[in-house]
Amino acid sequence: MALDYGIIGSRIKQARIAKNMTQEELADQIDISVAFLSRVERGNSHINLKRLNQICGLLDISEGYVLNGASSNSDDYLDQEFALLLKRVSPKKQKLIYNIVKAIVEADIDD
């Protein structure tokens, strides 16, 4: 599975904002430029594991969450993941996804 750097950057940005931290503050603490951090948050630049580890430590999030969305601390992390995915597809594909999910929800299958 290929990494989606746009989603990775979005998770970093969300965690930074949740910590009430500016890009300048985070960049300064890990000795990178604000421009580079901005590109990472937009998914336009890749981040190495050392920097990812530093960022996760400062933002109190796991590398697993940043890389694949898995978080043992949250029951509703998939809500954000679905929202991020839906923003990236056309309205026509959103309708298709909705119809598929609706059919699954309405199906009489045991969970």
Protein backbone atom coordinates (compact mmCIF):
# COMPACT_ATOMS: atom_id res chain seq x y z
CA MET A 1 0.00 0.00 0.00
CA ALA A 2 1.46 3.34 -1.04
CA LEU A 3 1.60 6.15 1.48
CA ASP A 4 -0.76 9.06 0.89
CA TYR A 5 1.31 12.07 1.87
CA GLY A 6 -1.72 14.36 1.62
CA ILE A 7 -3.50 12.42 4.37
CA ILE A 8 -0.30 12.15 6.41
CA GLY A 9 0.17 15.91 6.20
CA SER A 10 -3.45 16.51 7.08
CA ARG A 11 -3.15 14.34 10.20
CA ILE A 12 -0.04 16.25 11.28
CA LYS A 13 -1.79 19.58 10.72
CA GLN A 14 -4.90 18.49 12.65
CA ALA A 15 -2.77 17.33 15.58
CA ARG A 16 -0.74 20.56 15.55
CA ILE A 17 -3.89 22.67 15.59
CA ALA A 18 -5.38 20.52 18.36
CA LYS A 19 -2.26 21.33 20.42
CA ASN A 20 -2.77 25.05 19.71
CA MET A 21 0.63 25.15 18.07
CA THR A 22 1.57 27.29 15.09
CA GLN A 23 3.64 26.04 12.19
CA GLU A 24 6.38 28.39 13.33
CA GLU A 25 6.45 26.90 16.83
CA LEU A 26 6.53 23.29 15.60
CA ALA A 27 9.11 23.99 12.91
CA ASP A 28 11.33 25.79 15.40
CA GLN A 29 11.19 22.91 17.89
CA ILE A 30 12.39 20.36 15.33
CA ASP A 31 14.74 22.70 13.47
CA ILE A 32 13.07 22.75 10.06
CA SER A 33 11.78 25.66 8.02
CA VAL A 34 8.17 26.77 8.18
CA ALA A 35 8.04 26.44 4.40
CA PHE A 36 9.07 22.77 4.61
CA LEU A 37 6.52 22.04 7.35
CA SER A 38 3.84 23.74 5.28
CA ARG A 39 4.72 21.55 2.28
CA VAL A 40 4.59 18.45 4.50
CA GLU A 41 1.16 19.42 5.84
CA ARG A 42 -0.11 19.91 2.28
CA GLY A 43 1.37 16.58 1.19
CA ASN A 44 3.80 18.21 -1.24
CA SER A 45 6.96 17.07 0.58
CA HIS A 46 7.86 13.76 2.15
CA ILE A 47 9.05 13.57 5.71
CA ASN A 48 11.71 11.19 6.96
CA LEU A 49 11.21 8.88 9.91
CA LYS A 50 13.43 10.91 12.24
CA ARG A 51 11.37 14.06 11.69
CA LEU A 52 8.12 12.12 11.87
CA ASN A 53 9.18 10.69 15.22
CA GLN A 54 10.04 14.18 16.51
CA ILE A 55 6.73 15.62 15.35
CA CYS A 56 4.73 12.77 16.86
CA GLY A 57 6.54 13.19 20.18
CA LEU A 58 5.78 16.90 20.31
CA LEU A 59 2.16 16.49 19.25
CA ASP A 60 1.49 13.43 21.44
CA ILE A 61 0.33 11.27 18.56
CA SER A 62 1.58 7.90 17.36
CA GLU A 63 3.45 7.29 14.15
CA GLY A 64 0.90 4.56 13.40
CA TYR A 65 -1.91 7.09 13.47
CA VAL A 66 -0.05 9.50 11.20
CA LEU A 67 0.88 6.79 8.69
CA ASN A 68 -2.29 4.71 8.58
CA GLY A 69 -4.94 6.31 10.76
CA ALA A 70 -4.86 3.63 13.44
CA SER A 71 -5.38 5.10 16.87
CA SER A 72 -6.15 3.07 19.93
CA ASN A 73 -7.11 6.27 21.75
CA SER A 74 -10.09 7.12 19.58
CA ASP A 75 -13.25 5.25 18.74
CA ASP A 76 -14.23 7.64 15.97
CA TYR A 77 -10.99 8.10 14.02
CA LEU A 78 -12.64 6.58 10.94
CA ASP A 79 -15.09 9.48 10.83
CA GLN A 80 -12.22 11.81 9.95
CA GLU A 81 -10.73 9.30 7.52
CA PHE A 82 -14.01 8.99 5.62
CA ALA A 83 -14.43 12.76 5.57
CA LEU A 84 -10.92 13.24 4.18
CA LEU A 85 -11.45 10.60 1.52
CA LEU A 86 -14.82 11.99 0.47
CA LYS A 87 -13.34 15.47 0.02
CA ARG A 88 -10.95 14.02 -2.55
CA VAL A 89 -13.54 12.48 -4.89
CA SER A 90 -16.08 13.92 -7.28
CA PRO A 91 -19.74 14.35 -6.31
CA LYS A 92 -20.59 11.47 -8.65
CA LYS A 93 -18.22 9.13 -6.79
CA GLN A 94 -19.53 10.42 -3.45
CA LYS A 95 -23.05 9.38 -4.51
CA LEU A 96 -21.77 5.93 -5.49
CA ILE A 97 -19.98 5.54 -2.14
CA TYR A 98 -23.12 6.65 -0.33
CA ASN A 99 -25.27 4.09 -2.18
CA ILE A 100 -22.82 1.28 -1.44
CA VAL A 101 -22.62 2.16 2.26
CA LYS A 102 -26.40 2.51 2.46
CA ALA A 103 -26.88 -0.94 0.91
CA ILE A 104 -24.42 -2.46 3.41
CA VAL A 105 -26.08 -0.75 6.37
CA GLU A 106 -29.54 -1.85 5.27
CA ALA A 107 -28.48 -5.42 4.48
CA ASP A 108 -29.66 -8.01 6.94
CA ILE A 109 -26.22 -9.35 7.84
CA ASP A 110 -24.75 -10.10 11.23
CA ASP A 111 -21.86 -7.82 12.18
